[in-house]
Amino acid sequence: MAKDYRERTALSHAIINGQEHCAAMLLAKGADFLKGDSSNNTPAHYAAAYGWLECLKLLADVDPSCLKQENDRKLTPLSIAYLKGHYGIVQWLLDEKSEYVDINGTDSKGVTLLSSLLRYTDEDAQSELLERMQYLLSR
């Protein structure tokens, strides 16, 4: 299988670019979607990072365990989607695929989603911070 200098496959590139139809064709041809790149980011990580919910659903339909995979920094698709602000994906993962995600998971530094929210939130966005905290705590 051909890979780029970061060891990303054609499937990863299809996902990065939101090309759901190309990703579906590559999966039908047997593309390995559980194998990560040089940082152990899988196509599911890329779908979460770029906000492509339909691509993430496509991958999860084939094997939902892809939603549990961690990259080298111990980030899962859930944590990446949250950190990138793709709250539609976060909501789908927590509402529809909760058995495959860990809301209390920690990254390589022991940081949870809630603590990362506190760390990176803009001081001017207090109401948004409170809303996000309440959402996470309700899960």
N, C-alpha and C. Protein backbone atom coordinates (compact mmCIF):
# COMPACT_ATOMS: atom_id res chain seq x y z
N MET A 1 0.85 -1.18 0.00
CA MET A 1 0.00 0.00 0.00
C MET A 1 0.89 1.23 0.00
N ALA A 2 0.63 2.16 -0.89
CA ALA A 2 1.40 3.40 -0.98
C ALA A 2 1.09 4.31 0.20
N LYS A 3 2.14 4.97 0.69
CA LYS A 3 2.00 5.90 1.81
C LYS A 3 2.81 7.15 1.53
N ASP A 4 2.43 8.26 2.14
CA ASP A 4 3.22 9.48 2.01
C ASP A 4 4.32 9.51 3.07
N TYR A 5 5.04 10.61 3.16
CA TYR A 5 6.18 10.69 4.07
C TYR A 5 5.78 10.62 5.54
N ARG A 6 4.52 10.84 5.84
CA ARG A 6 4.02 10.69 7.22
C ARG A 6 3.33 9.35 7.42
N GLU A 7 3.48 8.48 6.45
CA GLU A 7 2.92 7.13 6.46
C GLU A 7 1.39 7.13 6.38
N ARG A 8 0.82 8.18 5.81
CA ARG A 8 -0.63 8.23 5.62
C ARG A 8 -0.99 7.53 4.32
N THR A 9 -2.06 6.78 4.37
CA THR A 9 -2.52 6.02 3.21
C THR A 9 -3.51 6.83 2.38
N ALA A 10 -3.90 6.24 1.25
CA ALA A 10 -4.92 6.88 0.40
C ALA A 10 -6.22 7.05 1.18
N LEU A 11 -6.55 6.10 2.05
CA LEU A 11 -7.76 6.22 2.86
C LEU A 11 -7.67 7.42 3.79
N SER A 12 -6.53 7.59 4.43
CA SER A 12 -6.36 8.76 5.31
C SER A 12 -6.54 10.05 4.53
N HIS A 13 -5.98 10.12 3.34
CA HIS A 13 -6.12 11.33 2.52
C HIS A 13 -7.56 11.55 2.07
N ALA A 14 -8.27 10.48 1.75
CA ALA A 14 -9.68 10.62 1.38
C ALA A 14 -10.48 11.17 2.56
N ILE A 15 -10.19 10.68 3.75
CA ILE A 15 -10.88 11.14 4.96
C ILE A 15 -10.51 12.60 5.24
N ILE A 16 -9.24 12.93 5.19
CA ILE A 16 -8.79 14.31 5.45
C ILE A 16 -9.54 15.30 4.56
N ASN A 17 -9.79 14.90 3.33
CA ASN A 17 -10.45 15.78 2.37
C ASN A 17 -11.97 15.61 2.33
N GLY A 18 -12.51 14.82 3.25
CA GLY A 18 -13.96 14.65 3.33
C GLY A 18 -14.57 13.91 2.17
N GLN A 19 -13.79 13.10 1.50
CA GLN A 19 -14.25 12.36 0.32
C GLN A 19 -14.85 11.02 0.75
N GLU A 20 -16.07 11.09 1.28
CA GLU A 20 -16.74 9.91 1.80
C GLU A 20 -16.88 8.81 0.74
N HIS A 21 -17.21 9.20 -0.49
CA HIS A 21 -17.39 8.20 -1.56
C HIS A 21 -16.07 7.49 -1.88
N CYS A 22 -14.96 8.21 -1.87
CA CYS A 22 -13.65 7.59 -2.10
C CYS A 22 -13.28 6.67 -0.93
N ALA A 23 -13.56 7.14 0.28
CA ALA A 23 -13.27 6.33 1.46
C ALA A 23 -14.08 5.04 1.43
N ALA A 24 -15.35 5.13 1.04
CA ALA A 24 -16.19 3.94 0.96
C ALA A 24 -15.64 2.95 -0.06
N MET A 25 -15.18 3.45 -1.19
CA MET A 25 -14.61 2.58 -2.21
C MET A 25 -13.33 1.91 -1.70
N LEU A 26 -12.47 2.68 -1.04
CA LEU A 26 -11.23 2.12 -0.52
C LEU A 26 -11.51 1.08 0.57
N LEU A 27 -12.49 1.34 1.41
CA LEU A 27 -12.87 0.36 2.43
C LEU A 27 -13.42 -0.91 1.79
N ALA A 28 -14.22 -0.76 0.74
CA ALA A 28 -14.77 -1.92 0.03
C ALA A 28 -13.66 -2.75 -0.60
N LYS A 29 -12.56 -2.08 -0.97
CA LYS A 29 -11.41 -2.78 -1.56
C LYS A 29 -10.47 -3.34 -0.50
N GLY A 30 -10.81 -3.15 0.79
CA GLY A 30 -10.02 -3.75 1.85
C GLY A 30 -8.98 -2.86 2.50
N ALA A 31 -9.12 -1.56 2.36
CA ALA A 31 -8.15 -0.64 2.99
C ALA A 31 -8.12 -0.85 4.50
N ASP A 32 -6.92 -0.84 5.06
CA ASP A 32 -6.74 -1.01 6.51
C ASP A 32 -6.97 0.33 7.19
N PHE A 33 -8.08 0.45 7.89
CA PHE A 33 -8.41 1.72 8.53
C PHE A 33 -8.07 1.73 10.02
N LEU A 34 -7.51 0.65 10.52
CA LEU A 34 -7.10 0.61 11.92
C LEU A 34 -5.62 0.90 12.09
N LYS A 35 -4.90 0.95 11.00
CA LYS A 35 -3.46 1.23 11.04
C LYS A 35 -3.22 2.73 11.04
N GLY A 36 -2.37 3.17 11.96
CA GLY A 36 -2.09 4.60 12.07
C GLY A 36 -0.90 5.03 11.23
N ASP A 37 -0.73 6.34 11.16
CA ASP A 37 0.40 6.93 10.45
C ASP A 37 1.61 7.03 11.37
N SER A 38 2.56 7.88 11.06
CA SER A 38 3.79 7.98 11.85
C SER A 38 3.53 8.47 13.28
N SER A 39 2.40 9.11 13.52
CA SER A 39 2.01 9.54 14.87
C SER A 39 0.87 8.68 15.42
N ASN A 40 0.61 7.59 14.72
CA ASN A 40 -0.44 6.65 15.07
C ASN A 40 -1.84 7.25 14.95
N ASN A 41 -1.98 8.29 14.13
CA ASN A 41 -3.31 8.82 13.83
C ASN A 41 -3.94 7.94 12.77
N THR A 42 -5.14 7.47 13.05
CA THR A 42 -5.87 6.62 12.12
C THR A 42 -6.84 7.47 11.29
N PRO A 43 -7.46 6.90 10.28
CA PRO A 43 -8.49 7.65 9.56
C PRO A 43 -9.59 8.19 10.48
N ALA A 44 -9.92 7.48 11.55
CA ALA A 44 -10.93 7.98 12.50
C ALA A 44 -10.44 9.25 13.20
N HIS A 45 -9.16 9.31 13.53
CA HIS A 45 -8.60 10.53 14.12
C HIS A 45 -8.71 11.70 13.14
N TYR A 46 -8.41 11.43 11.88
CA TYR A 46 -8.49 12.49 10.87
C TYR A 46 -9.93 12.95 10.64
N ALA A 47 -10.87 12.02 10.61
CA ALA A 47 -12.28 12.40 10.44
C ALA A 47 -12.72 13.30 11.59
N ALA A 48 -12.31 12.96 12.80
CA ALA A 48 -12.65 13.78 13.97
C ALA A 48 -11.96 15.13 13.92
N ALA A 49 -10.70 15.15 13.52
CA ALA A 49 -9.92 16.40 13.49
C ALA A 49 -10.44 17.38 12.45
N TYR A 50 -10.88 16.86 11.32
CA TYR A 50 -11.33 17.73 10.23
C TYR A 50 -12.85 17.96 10.24
N GLY A 51 -13.54 17.30 11.17
CA GLY A 51 -14.97 17.53 11.32
C GLY A 51 -15.86 16.81 10.33
N TRP A 52 -15.40 15.68 9.81
CA TRP A 52 -16.17 14.94 8.81
C TRP A 52 -16.98 13.83 9.50
N LEU A 53 -18.14 14.19 10.03
CA LEU A 53 -18.99 13.24 10.75
C LEU A 53 -19.39 12.05 9.89
N GLU A 54 -19.78 12.29 8.65
CA GLU A 54 -20.22 11.18 7.79
C GLU A 54 -19.08 10.21 7.52
N CYS A 55 -17.87 10.71 7.39
CA CYS A 55 -16.71 9.83 7.22
C CYS A 55 -16.47 9.01 8.48
N LEU A 56 -16.62 9.64 9.63
CA LEU A 56 -16.43 8.92 10.90
C LEU A 56 -17.50 7.85 11.06
N LYS A 57 -18.73 8.16 10.69
CA LYS A 57 -19.81 7.17 10.75
C LYS A 57 -19.52 5.99 9.82
N LEU A 58 -18.99 6.28 8.65
CA LEU A 58 -18.64 5.24 7.69
C LEU A 58 -17.62 4.28 8.31
N LEU A 59 -16.59 4.83 8.93
CA LEU A 59 -15.57 3.99 9.57
C LEU A 59 -16.16 3.19 10.73
N ALA A 60 -16.99 3.84 11.54
CA ALA A 60 -17.59 3.17 12.69
C ALA A 60 -18.56 2.06 12.26
N ASP A 61 -19.19 2.22 11.11
CA ASP A 61 -20.08 1.17 10.61
C ASP A 61 -19.30 -0.09 10.26
N VAL A 62 -18.07 0.08 9.80
CA VAL A 62 -17.24 -1.07 9.46
C VAL A 62 -16.72 -1.74 10.74
N ASP A 63 -16.23 -0.95 11.68
CA ASP A 63 -15.73 -1.49 12.95
C ASP A 63 -15.69 -0.36 13.98
N PRO A 64 -16.66 -0.33 14.89
CA PRO A 64 -16.72 0.77 15.85
C PRO A 64 -15.55 0.82 16.82
N SER A 65 -14.74 -0.22 16.88
CA SER A 65 -13.57 -0.17 17.76
C SER A 65 -12.58 0.91 17.32
N CYS A 66 -12.72 1.39 16.07
CA CYS A 66 -11.84 2.46 15.60
C CYS A 66 -12.02 3.73 16.43
N LEU A 67 -13.16 3.86 17.10
CA LEU A 67 -13.45 5.04 17.91
C LEU A 67 -12.68 5.03 19.23
N LYS A 68 -12.15 3.87 19.61
CA LYS A 68 -11.41 3.73 20.87
C LYS A 68 -9.91 3.94 20.70
N GLN A 69 -9.44 3.92 19.49
CA GLN A 69 -7.99 3.94 19.25
C GLN A 69 -7.35 5.24 19.69
N GLU A 70 -6.16 5.10 20.26
CA GLU A 70 -5.38 6.25 20.71
C GLU A 70 -4.21 6.47 19.77
N ASN A 71 -3.86 7.74 19.58
CA ASN A 71 -2.65 8.04 18.82
C ASN A 71 -1.46 8.08 19.78
N ASP A 72 -0.32 8.54 19.32
CA ASP A 72 0.89 8.55 20.17
C ASP A 72 0.75 9.44 21.39
N ARG A 73 -0.14 10.43 21.32
CA ARG A 73 -0.36 11.32 22.47
C ARG A 73 -1.53 10.84 23.33
N LYS A 74 -1.99 9.62 23.05
CA LYS A 74 -3.11 8.99 23.76
C LYS A 74 -4.43 9.73 23.56
N LEU A 75 -4.55 10.42 22.43
CA LEU A 75 -5.79 11.10 22.09
C LEU A 75 -6.66 10.18 21.24
N THR A 76 -7.93 10.14 21.55
CA THR A 76 -8.90 9.36 20.78
C THR A 76 -9.65 10.30 19.83
N PRO A 77 -10.41 9.75 18.91
CA PRO A 77 -11.23 10.62 18.06
C PRO A 77 -12.14 11.56 18.87
N LEU A 78 -12.67 11.09 20.01
CA LEU A 78 -13.50 11.95 20.85
C LEU A 78 -12.73 13.16 21.34
N SER A 79 -11.56 12.94 21.90
CA SER A 79 -10.80 14.07 22.45
C SER A 79 -10.34 15.01 21.35
N ILE A 80 -9.99 14.48 20.20
CA ILE A 80 -9.57 15.33 19.08
C ILE A 80 -10.75 16.18 18.60
N ALA A 81 -11.91 15.56 18.42
CA ALA A 81 -13.09 16.32 17.98
C ALA A 81 -13.41 17.42 18.98
N TYR A 82 -13.31 17.12 20.25
CA TYR A 82 -13.62 18.13 21.27
C TYR A 82 -12.63 19.27 21.23
N LEU A 83 -11.34 18.94 21.17
CA LEU A 83 -10.31 19.98 21.16
C LEU A 83 -10.37 20.84 19.90
N LYS A 84 -10.84 20.26 18.79
CA LYS A 84 -10.95 21.01 17.53
C LYS A 84 -12.28 21.75 17.40
N GLY A 85 -13.17 21.57 18.36
CA GLY A 85 -14.44 22.29 18.34
C GLY A 85 -15.51 21.69 17.45
N HIS A 86 -15.39 20.41 17.15
CA HIS A 86 -16.38 19.73 16.32
C HIS A 86 -17.42 19.07 17.23
N TYR A 87 -18.28 19.91 17.80
CA TYR A 87 -19.20 19.45 18.84
C TYR A 87 -20.31 18.56 18.31
N GLY A 88 -20.62 18.62 17.04
CA GLY A 88 -21.57 17.68 16.45
C GLY A 88 -21.03 16.26 16.51
N ILE A 89 -19.75 16.11 16.23
CA ILE A 89 -19.11 14.79 16.33
C ILE A 89 -19.07 14.35 17.78
N VAL A 90 -18.72 15.27 18.68
CA VAL A 90 -18.67 14.94 20.11
C VAL A 90 -20.04 14.44 20.55
N GLN A 91 -21.08 15.16 20.19
CA GLN A 91 -22.43 14.77 20.59
C GLN A 91 -22.80 13.41 20.02
N TRP A 92 -22.49 13.17 18.76
CA TRP A 92 -22.78 11.87 18.15
C TRP A 92 -22.04 10.75 18.88
N LEU A 93 -20.77 10.97 19.17
CA LEU A 93 -20.00 9.94 19.87
C LEU A 93 -20.58 9.66 21.25
N LEU A 94 -20.92 10.70 21.99
CA LEU A 94 -21.44 10.52 23.35
C LEU A 94 -22.87 9.99 23.36
N ASP A 95 -23.68 10.37 22.39
CA ASP A 95 -25.07 9.94 22.36
C ASP A 95 -25.27 8.59 21.67
N GLU A 96 -24.55 8.37 20.58
CA GLU A 96 -24.79 7.18 19.76
C GLU A 96 -23.74 6.07 19.93
N LYS A 97 -22.56 6.42 20.36
CA LYS A 97 -21.47 5.44 20.44
C LYS A 97 -20.79 5.46 21.80
N SER A 98 -21.55 5.74 22.85
CA SER A 98 -20.96 5.91 24.18
C SER A 98 -20.22 4.68 24.67
N GLU A 99 -20.61 3.50 24.20
CA GLU A 99 -19.91 2.28 24.63
C GLU A 99 -18.50 2.18 24.05
N TYR A 100 -18.18 3.01 23.08
CA TYR A 100 -16.87 2.98 22.44
C TYR A 100 -15.99 4.17 22.79
N VAL A 101 -16.47 5.06 23.63
CA VAL A 101 -15.68 6.23 24.00
C VAL A 101 -15.57 6.33 25.51
N ASP A 102 -14.51 6.98 25.97
CA ASP A 102 -14.28 7.16 27.40
C ASP A 102 -14.19 8.65 27.69
N ILE A 103 -15.24 9.19 28.27
CA ILE A 103 -15.28 10.62 28.58
C ILE A 103 -14.22 11.01 29.59
N ASN A 104 -13.77 10.05 30.39
CA ASN A 104 -12.77 10.32 31.42
C ASN A 104 -11.36 9.89 31.00
N GLY A 105 -11.19 9.55 29.74
CA GLY A 105 -9.88 9.15 29.26
C GLY A 105 -8.87 10.29 29.40
N THR A 106 -7.61 9.91 29.55
CA THR A 106 -6.55 10.91 29.70
C THR A 106 -5.57 10.82 28.54
N ASP A 107 -4.95 11.94 28.23
CA ASP A 107 -3.93 11.95 27.19
C ASP A 107 -2.59 11.54 27.79
N SER A 108 -1.52 11.69 27.04
CA SER A 108 -0.20 11.24 27.49
C SER A 108 0.32 12.03 28.68
N LYS A 109 -0.30 13.17 28.97
CA LYS A 109 0.10 13.98 30.13
C LYS A 109 -0.87 13.83 31.29
N GLY A 110 -1.83 12.92 31.17
CA GLY A 110 -2.80 12.69 32.23
C GLY A 110 -3.95 13.68 32.25
N VAL A 111 -4.14 14.40 31.15
CA VAL A 111 -5.16 15.45 31.07
C VAL A 111 -6.46 14.86 30.51
N THR A 112 -7.58 15.15 31.18
CA THR A 112 -8.90 14.73 30.71
C THR A 112 -9.51 15.82 29.83
N LEU A 113 -10.62 15.50 29.18
CA LEU A 113 -11.31 16.51 28.37
C LEU A 113 -11.72 17.71 29.21
N LEU A 114 -12.25 17.45 30.39
CA LEU A 114 -12.70 18.55 31.25
C LEU A 114 -11.54 19.44 31.67
N SER A 115 -10.44 18.82 32.07
CA SER A 115 -9.30 19.65 32.48
C SER A 115 -8.68 20.39 31.30
N SER A 116 -8.72 19.80 30.11
CA SER A 116 -8.20 20.52 28.94
C SER A 116 -9.09 21.70 28.60
N LEU A 117 -10.38 21.55 28.81
CA LEU A 117 -11.31 22.65 28.59
C LEU A 117 -10.97 23.82 29.49
N LEU A 118 -10.68 23.54 30.73
CA LEU A 118 -10.32 24.59 31.68
C LEU A 118 -8.99 25.24 31.32
N ARG A 119 -8.10 24.46 30.78
CA ARG A 119 -6.76 24.94 30.45
C ARG A 119 -6.75 25.88 29.24
N TYR A 120 -7.56 25.59 28.24
CA TYR A 120 -7.45 26.30 26.97
C TYR A 120 -8.58 27.29 26.68
N THR A 121 -9.53 27.42 27.57
CA THR A 121 -10.66 28.30 27.30
C THR A 121 -10.28 29.77 27.47
N ASP A 122 -10.76 30.58 26.56
CA ASP A 122 -10.57 32.02 26.59
C ASP A 122 -11.32 32.60 27.78
N GLU A 123 -10.69 33.48 28.51
CA GLU A 123 -11.30 34.07 29.70
C GLU A 123 -12.56 34.85 29.38
N ASP A 124 -12.70 35.34 28.16
CA ASP A 124 -13.87 36.12 27.77
C ASP A 124 -15.09 35.24 27.46
N ALA A 125 -14.92 33.95 27.44
CA ALA A 125 -16.00 33.04 27.06
C ALA A 125 -16.54 32.26 28.26
N GLN A 126 -16.81 32.95 29.35
CA GLN A 126 -17.23 32.29 30.58
C GLN A 126 -18.54 31.53 30.43
N SER A 127 -19.54 32.10 29.77
CA SER A 127 -20.82 31.40 29.64
C SER A 127 -20.67 30.16 28.77
N GLU A 128 -19.87 30.26 27.72
CA GLU A 128 -19.62 29.10 26.87
C GLU A 128 -18.86 28.03 27.64
N LEU A 129 -17.91 28.43 28.46
CA LEU A 129 -17.15 27.50 29.29
C LEU A 129 -18.09 26.74 30.22
N LEU A 130 -18.97 27.45 30.88
CA LEU A 130 -19.91 26.83 31.81
C LEU A 130 -20.81 25.84 31.07
N GLU A 131 -21.29 26.22 29.90
CA GLU A 131 -22.15 25.34 29.10
C GLU A 131 -21.41 24.07 28.71
N ARG A 132 -20.18 24.19 28.26
CA ARG A 132 -19.39 23.02 27.87
C ARG A 132 -19.09 22.12 29.06
N MET A 133 -18.79 22.73 30.20
CA MET A 133 -18.52 21.95 31.41
C MET A 133 -19.76 21.17 31.83
N GLN A 134 -20.92 21.82 31.80
CA GLN A 134 -22.16 21.15 32.18
C GLN A 134 -22.46 20.00 31.22
N TYR A 135 -22.19 20.20 29.95
CA TYR A 135 -22.42 19.14 28.96
C TYR A 135 -21.54 17.93 29.27
N LEU A 136 -20.26 18.15 29.50
CA LEU A 136 -19.36 17.04 29.79
C LEU A 136 -19.72 16.36 31.10
N LEU A 137 -20.04 17.13 32.10
CA LEU A 137 -20.38 16.55 33.40
C LEU A 137 -21.67 15.74 33.35
N SER A 138 -22.57 16.09 32.45
CA SER A 138 -23.83 15.34 32.33
C SER A 138 -23.62 13.97 31.70
N ARG A 139 -22.50 13.76 31.09
CA ARG A 139 -22.20 12.48 30.44
C ARG A 139 -21.59 11.54 31.42
